[in-house]
Amino acid sequence: MATARAPHGTNLPPKIIYKKIYIEGHGGHHGGAWKVAYADFVTAMMAFFLLMWLLGATNEKQRKALADYFSPTLVQLKENSAGSMGLFGGSSITDQDNYQHKASQTGTRSMTVPADAVGGAQVGTGQKGTLKDRAALSAEDRKNFETMKRQMARAMAATPNLAKLSNHVRFVQTRDGLRIDLLDDADYSMFDLGTTQLEPRASALIGLVAQTIKDTENPIMIRGHTDSLGYGDPLAMNNWMLSSARAEATRRRLAAGGIGETRFNRIEGVADREPIIKGNAADPRNRRVAITLLYRATSFGQ
């Protein structure tokens, strides 16, 4: 601060001049604000990697239990599950079922599993709709299919007219069930040429099939096949129409033989698109009707 002299001849007080000096701070970056932001970033990264680890180390059931732990459905989960007080609803990353495996978890296995029960992870408790039921049905169906094959072979051998058609009948076990192929050849046709009229012996043969399978419960699929020989006017008649109509004619003959309407699951024609003789679509042996006894479905349609 500097004091100036008063002018001569006056009594005015001297002027006082103040000088302010600003000093810039060079240590601001040494404060603590950045540490808070960095800590938040590290926390977020830790949460992210924890999430990635959980996604990789858990299965779908465990992830659902973890999500339910933080949702209102936790109450319902506790009601439906023994030992459900843990974070994973009674399970953990290491156990295999929905029961406690530590003394600190609540619930007991005896609450829901009978004392004399035995079995593994795929054992069902009901008589229908379980994996065990599905396997039993398939095994029973395969046994019935073999019995039907023997019955038809004996019946055809005992009937002179049908015995001549033994070479025209073929049994094929498929992933869908037992397929009975009724085949044509160059010397014989199940239907009159180009029509849906069954030849008398073929009609009797389909009647025998109906008698053999009518006491079963298996759904039935019928598929008609033709060779590749065409028609003069494909708009009036073609192989698609002929194969479908022959499949329907076969269905009507089976129904007349005592097969209930509800047994028929699918009726279709595929023209010449699935030939038996791959190298020659015009070969008469490609003309056939396939009657498939499908495996029965369980309660859940499996």
Protein backbone atom coordinates (compact mmCIF):
# COMPACT_ATOMS: atom_id res chain seq x y z
CA MET A 1 0.00 0.00 0.00
CA ALA A 2 1.32 3.48 -0.95
CA THR A 3 0.33 6.88 0.62
CA ALA A 4 0.38 9.97 -1.61
CA ARG A 5 1.08 13.49 -0.31
CA ALA A 6 -1.79 15.91 0.00
CA PRO A 7 -1.73 18.75 -2.52
CA HIS A 8 -0.37 22.09 -1.15
CA GLY A 9 -2.93 24.51 0.12
CA THR A 10 -5.68 22.01 0.84
CA ASN A 11 -6.76 19.98 3.82
CA LEU A 12 -7.90 16.99 1.80
CA PRO A 13 -6.78 13.60 3.14
CA PRO A 14 -4.25 11.76 1.08
CA LYS A 15 -5.48 9.16 -1.43
CA ILE A 16 -4.96 5.54 -0.46
CA ILE A 17 -4.36 3.02 -3.30
CA TYR A 18 -4.91 -0.69 -2.71
CA LYS A 19 -3.18 -3.24 -4.96
CA LYS A 20 -4.62 -6.79 -5.06
CA ILE A 21 -2.34 -9.60 -6.15
CA TYR A 22 -3.91 -12.92 -7.31
CA ILE A 23 -1.75 -15.99 -6.93
CA GLU A 24 -2.79 -18.96 -9.14
CA GLY A 25 -2.87 -22.32 -7.38
CA HIS A 26 -0.78 -25.06 -9.00
CA GLY A 27 -1.79 -27.92 -6.69
CA GLY A 28 -5.49 -28.35 -7.56
CA HIS A 29 -4.98 -31.71 -9.23
CA HIS A 30 -3.72 -33.07 -5.93
CA GLY A 31 -7.27 -32.88 -4.48
CA GLY A 32 -9.57 -35.88 -3.71
CA ALA A 33 -12.45 -35.50 -6.21
CA TRP A 34 -10.85 -37.72 -8.84
CA LYS A 35 -10.42 -40.48 -6.30
CA VAL A 36 -14.17 -40.66 -5.75
CA ALA A 37 -14.81 -40.95 -9.49
CA TYR A 38 -12.13 -43.63 -9.83
CA ALA A 39 -13.60 -45.60 -6.94
CA ASP A 40 -17.02 -45.50 -8.61
CA PHE A 41 -15.47 -46.75 -11.85
CA VAL A 42 -13.68 -49.63 -10.11
CA THR A 43 -16.88 -50.57 -8.28
CA ALA A 44 -18.81 -50.62 -11.56
CA MET A 45 -16.15 -52.79 -13.20
CA MET A 46 -16.19 -55.19 -10.27
CA ALA A 47 -19.99 -55.49 -10.54
CA PHE A 48 -19.67 -56.09 -14.31
CA PHE A 49 -17.11 -58.87 -13.93
CA LEU A 50 -19.18 -60.41 -11.13
CA LEU A 51 -22.16 -60.45 -13.49
CA MET A 52 -20.08 -62.07 -16.24
CA TRP A 53 -18.86 -64.71 -13.80
CA LEU A 54 -22.39 -65.49 -12.63
CA LEU A 55 -23.61 -65.89 -16.21
CA GLY A 56 -20.80 -68.30 -16.97
CA ALA A 57 -20.86 -70.27 -13.72
CA THR A 58 -24.62 -70.85 -13.34
CA ASN A 59 -27.26 -72.72 -15.30
CA GLU A 60 -30.67 -71.42 -16.34
CA LYS A 61 -32.40 -72.70 -13.23
CA GLN A 62 -29.87 -71.02 -10.92
CA ARG A 63 -30.08 -67.73 -12.82
CA LYS A 64 -33.88 -67.77 -12.50
CA ALA A 65 -33.60 -68.43 -8.77
CA LEU A 66 -31.15 -65.55 -8.44
CA ALA A 67 -33.53 -63.23 -10.30
CA ASP A 68 -36.46 -64.39 -8.16
CA TYR A 69 -34.50 -63.55 -5.03
CA PHE A 70 -34.73 -59.86 -5.97
CA SER A 71 -38.36 -59.95 -7.13
CA PRO A 72 -41.78 -60.37 -5.47
CA THR A 73 -41.99 -63.95 -6.72
CA LEU A 74 -39.69 -64.98 -3.90
CA VAL A 75 -42.71 -65.68 -1.69
CA GLN A 76 -44.15 -68.09 -4.26
CA LEU A 77 -40.75 -69.73 -4.72
CA LYS A 78 -40.50 -70.38 -0.99
CA GLU A 79 -43.95 -71.95 -0.96
CA ASN A 80 -43.09 -74.38 -3.77
CA SER A 81 -39.58 -75.40 -2.79
CA ALA A 82 -37.94 -77.01 0.19
CA GLY A 83 -34.80 -75.30 1.46
CA SER A 84 -35.50 -72.06 -0.39
CA MET A 85 -34.08 -69.51 2.02
CA GLY A 86 -30.73 -69.26 0.21
CA LEU A 87 -29.79 -66.81 -2.50
CA PHE A 88 -30.44 -69.41 -5.22
CA GLY A 89 -33.75 -70.52 -3.75
CA GLY A 90 -32.26 -73.43 -1.84
CA SER A 91 -29.77 -74.36 -4.58
CA SER A 92 -26.21 -73.38 -5.19
CA ILE A 93 -23.70 -73.48 -8.01
CA THR A 94 -22.47 -76.88 -6.81
CA ASP A 95 -25.62 -78.87 -6.00
CA GLN A 96 -27.78 -80.66 -8.55
CA ASP A 97 -31.31 -80.29 -7.24
CA ASN A 98 -33.49 -77.86 -5.34
CA TYR A 99 -32.62 -79.03 -1.82
CA GLN A 100 -30.32 -77.81 0.90
CA HIS A 101 -26.80 -79.13 1.06
CA LYS A 102 -25.53 -77.19 4.07
CA ALA A 103 -26.59 -77.19 7.70
CA SER A 104 -27.22 -73.44 7.52
CA GLN A 105 -29.95 -73.83 4.91
CA THR A 106 -33.54 -74.44 5.92
CA GLY A 107 -35.85 -77.25 4.84
CA THR A 108 -35.36 -80.99 4.74
CA ARG A 109 -35.34 -83.43 1.87
CA SER A 110 -37.84 -85.67 3.64
CA MET A 111 -40.46 -82.92 3.29
CA THR A 112 -40.99 -83.72 -0.38
CA VAL A 113 -39.25 -87.05 -1.13
CA PRO A 114 -40.66 -90.27 0.37
CA ALA A 115 -38.28 -92.18 2.62
CA ASP A 116 -38.33 -95.28 0.39
CA ALA A 117 -37.98 -93.41 -2.91
CA VAL A 118 -35.17 -94.30 -5.30
CA GLY A 119 -34.14 -93.04 -8.71
CA GLY A 120 -32.23 -90.33 -10.46
CA ALA A 121 -32.64 -86.91 -12.01
CA GLN A 122 -34.93 -88.13 -14.82
CA VAL A 123 -37.36 -90.13 -12.71
CA GLY A 124 -40.94 -88.88 -12.85
CA THR A 125 -43.48 -89.36 -10.09
CA GLY A 126 -46.65 -89.62 -12.19
CA GLN A 127 -47.93 -92.35 -14.47
CA LYS A 128 -48.39 -90.08 -17.48
CA GLY A 129 -46.35 -87.32 -19.06
CA THR A 130 -42.98 -88.34 -17.63
CA LEU A 131 -39.79 -89.44 -19.34
CA LYS A 132 -40.34 -92.89 -17.92
CA ASP A 133 -43.84 -92.99 -19.41
CA ARG A 134 -42.55 -91.94 -22.82
CA ALA A 135 -39.90 -94.66 -22.88
CA ALA A 136 -42.42 -97.27 -21.76
CA LEU A 137 -44.86 -96.29 -24.50
CA SER A 138 -42.18 -96.47 -27.19
CA ALA A 139 -41.02 -99.89 -25.99
CA GLU A 140 -44.58 -101.16 -25.91
CA ASP A 141 -45.25 -99.80 -29.40
CA ARG A 142 -42.18 -101.51 -30.83
CA LYS A 143 -43.28 -104.79 -29.28
CA ASN A 144 -46.78 -104.39 -30.73
CA PHE A 145 -45.34 -103.57 -34.16
CA GLU A 146 -43.39 -106.83 -34.23
CA THR A 147 -46.49 -108.75 -33.22
CA MET A 148 -48.54 -107.11 -35.99
CA LYS A 149 -45.89 -107.92 -38.59
CA ARG A 150 -46.01 -111.61 -37.68
CA GLN A 151 -49.82 -111.65 -37.65
CA MET A 152 -50.04 -110.09 -41.10
CA ALA A 153 -47.42 -112.45 -42.51
CA ARG A 154 -49.33 -115.49 -41.22
CA ALA A 155 -52.69 -114.16 -42.45
CA MET A 156 -51.32 -113.43 -45.93
CA ALA A 157 -49.68 -116.85 -46.16
CA ALA A 158 -52.97 -118.51 -45.20
CA THR A 159 -54.94 -116.68 -47.93
CA PRO A 160 -54.05 -117.77 -51.49
CA ASN A 161 -55.01 -114.48 -53.16
CA LEU A 162 -53.07 -112.40 -50.63
CA ALA A 163 -50.07 -114.73 -50.59
CA LYS A 164 -49.35 -113.64 -54.16
CA LEU A 165 -49.02 -110.05 -52.89
CA SER A 166 -46.38 -110.81 -50.27
CA ASN A 167 -43.69 -109.27 -52.47
CA HIS A 168 -45.74 -106.06 -52.65
CA VAL A 169 -45.81 -105.52 -48.88
CA ARG A 170 -42.84 -104.11 -47.01
CA PHE A 171 -42.51 -103.28 -43.30
CA VAL A 172 -40.09 -100.46 -42.43
CA GLN A 173 -39.28 -99.29 -38.89
CA THR A 174 -38.84 -95.50 -38.95
CA ARG A 175 -38.26 -92.78 -36.37
CA ASP A 176 -42.01 -92.02 -36.53
CA GLY A 177 -43.27 -95.59 -36.15
CA LEU A 178 -43.95 -98.69 -38.27
CA ARG A 179 -44.49 -98.00 -41.97
CA ILE A 180 -46.35 -100.51 -44.14
CA ASP A 181 -45.57 -99.93 -47.82
CA LEU A 182 -47.99 -101.34 -50.41
CA LEU A 183 -45.93 -101.36 -53.61
CA ASP A 184 -46.64 -101.63 -57.31
CA ASP A 185 -44.37 -103.13 -59.94
CA ALA A 186 -44.36 -103.59 -63.71
CA ASP A 187 -46.81 -106.54 -63.50
CA TYR A 188 -49.23 -105.39 -60.84
CA SER A 189 -50.80 -102.17 -59.61
CA MET A 190 -52.76 -101.63 -56.40
CA PHE A 191 -54.98 -99.13 -58.21
CA ASP A 192 -56.36 -99.15 -61.71
CA LEU A 193 -53.98 -97.19 -63.90
CA GLY A 194 -54.39 -93.44 -63.44
CA THR A 195 -57.38 -93.81 -61.07
CA THR A 196 -58.20 -94.14 -57.37
CA GLN A 197 -60.09 -97.43 -57.83
CA LEU A 198 -58.53 -100.15 -55.67
CA GLU A 199 -57.85 -103.50 -57.31
CA PRO A 200 -59.89 -106.22 -55.49
CA ARG A 201 -56.87 -108.01 -54.03
CA ALA A 202 -55.39 -104.69 -52.91
CA SER A 203 -58.69 -103.81 -51.24
CA ALA A 204 -58.62 -107.16 -49.41
CA LEU A 205 -55.02 -106.53 -48.36
CA ILE A 206 -55.86 -103.12 -46.89
CA GLY A 207 -58.81 -104.77 -45.13
CA LEU A 208 -56.35 -107.22 -43.57
CA VAL A 209 -54.20 -104.31 -42.42
CA ALA A 210 -57.29 -102.75 -40.83
CA GLN A 211 -58.13 -105.97 -38.98
CA THR A 212 -54.57 -106.23 -37.70
CA ILE A 213 -54.24 -102.67 -36.38
CA LYS A 214 -57.78 -101.77 -35.30
CA ASP A 215 -57.27 -102.89 -31.69
CA THR A 216 -54.23 -100.61 -31.24
CA GLU A 217 -54.27 -96.97 -30.18
CA ASN A 218 -51.52 -95.68 -32.46
CA PRO A 219 -52.30 -92.68 -34.70
CA ILE A 220 -52.17 -93.40 -38.44
CA MET A 221 -50.51 -91.45 -41.24
CA ILE A 222 -51.18 -92.31 -44.89
CA ARG A 223 -49.01 -91.02 -47.74
CA GLY A 224 -49.62 -91.57 -51.44
CA HIS A 225 -46.80 -91.81 -54.01
CA THR A 226 -46.78 -91.94 -57.81
CA ASP A 227 -44.20 -92.33 -60.55
CA SER A 228 -43.24 -89.37 -62.74
CA LEU A 229 -45.44 -90.24 -65.73
CA GLY A 230 -47.56 -87.19 -66.49
CA TYR A 231 -51.00 -86.44 -67.85
CA GLY A 232 -52.04 -84.75 -71.07
CA ASP A 233 -53.83 -81.95 -69.21
CA PRO A 234 -52.11 -81.34 -65.84
CA LEU A 235 -54.82 -78.84 -64.88
CA ALA A 236 -57.47 -81.56 -65.07
CA MET A 237 -55.39 -84.27 -63.33
CA ASN A 238 -51.79 -84.49 -62.15
CA ASN A 239 -49.67 -86.64 -59.88
CA TRP A 240 -50.24 -84.40 -56.85
CA MET A 241 -53.98 -84.89 -57.16
CA LEU A 242 -53.62 -88.61 -57.87
CA SER A 243 -51.30 -89.33 -54.92
CA SER A 244 -53.53 -87.39 -52.52
CA ALA A 245 -56.67 -89.08 -53.81
CA ARG A 246 -55.11 -92.54 -53.47
CA ALA A 247 -54.13 -91.77 -49.90
CA GLU A 248 -57.72 -90.75 -49.20
CA ALA A 249 -59.06 -93.89 -50.90
CA THR A 250 -56.81 -95.95 -48.63
CA ARG A 251 -58.12 -94.07 -45.60
CA ARG A 252 -61.72 -94.82 -46.62
CA ARG A 253 -60.91 -98.53 -46.98
CA LEU A 254 -59.27 -98.62 -43.55
CA ALA A 255 -62.28 -96.84 -42.05
CA ALA A 256 -64.57 -99.41 -43.67
CA GLY A 257 -62.43 -102.09 -42.01
CA GLY A 258 -63.15 -100.73 -38.54
CA ILE A 259 -60.54 -98.00 -37.97
CA GLY A 260 -62.03 -95.08 -36.01
CA GLU A 261 -61.99 -91.61 -37.54
CA THR A 262 -59.97 -90.14 -34.67
CA ARG A 263 -57.07 -92.51 -35.39
CA PHE A 264 -56.18 -90.76 -38.66
CA ASN A 265 -53.50 -88.18 -37.98
CA ARG A 266 -52.34 -87.13 -41.46
CA ILE A 267 -53.39 -87.88 -45.03
CA GLU A 268 -51.14 -86.55 -47.77
CA GLY A 269 -49.85 -87.04 -51.29
CA VAL A 270 -46.30 -86.30 -52.41
CA ALA A 271 -46.56 -87.20 -56.13
CA ASP A 272 -43.17 -88.42 -57.42
CA ARG A 273 -41.03 -86.39 -54.98
CA GLU A 274 -39.92 -89.36 -52.85
CA PRO A 275 -39.08 -92.20 -55.26
CA ILE A 276 -37.81 -95.56 -54.04
CA ILE A 277 -35.88 -96.03 -57.28
CA LYS A 278 -33.74 -92.91 -57.08
CA GLY A 279 -32.23 -93.16 -60.54
CA ASN A 280 -35.53 -93.61 -62.38
CA ALA A 281 -38.53 -91.59 -61.19
CA ALA A 282 -40.70 -93.22 -63.91
CA ASP A 283 -40.15 -96.73 -62.54
CA PRO A 284 -43.55 -98.29 -61.61
CA ARG A 285 -42.12 -99.46 -58.26
CA ASN A 286 -42.25 -95.84 -57.16
CA ARG A 287 -46.06 -96.11 -57.12
CA ARG A 288 -47.10 -97.01 -53.60
CA VAL A 289 -49.20 -96.16 -50.56
CA ALA A 290 -47.47 -95.93 -47.17
CA ILE A 291 -49.53 -96.61 -44.04
CA THR A 292 -47.56 -95.57 -40.93
CA LEU A 293 -48.51 -96.51 -37.39
CA LEU A 294 -47.12 -93.59 -35.39
CA TYR A 295 -45.71 -93.86 -31.90
CA ARG A 296 -48.21 -92.85 -29.27
CA ALA A 297 -47.69 -89.47 -27.64
CA THR A 298 -47.37 -88.93 -23.88
CA SER A 299 -49.64 -86.58 -21.96
CA PHE A 300 -47.42 -83.67 -22.97
CA GLY A 301 -47.44 -84.63 -26.67
CA GLN A 302 -43.84 -85.89 -26.71
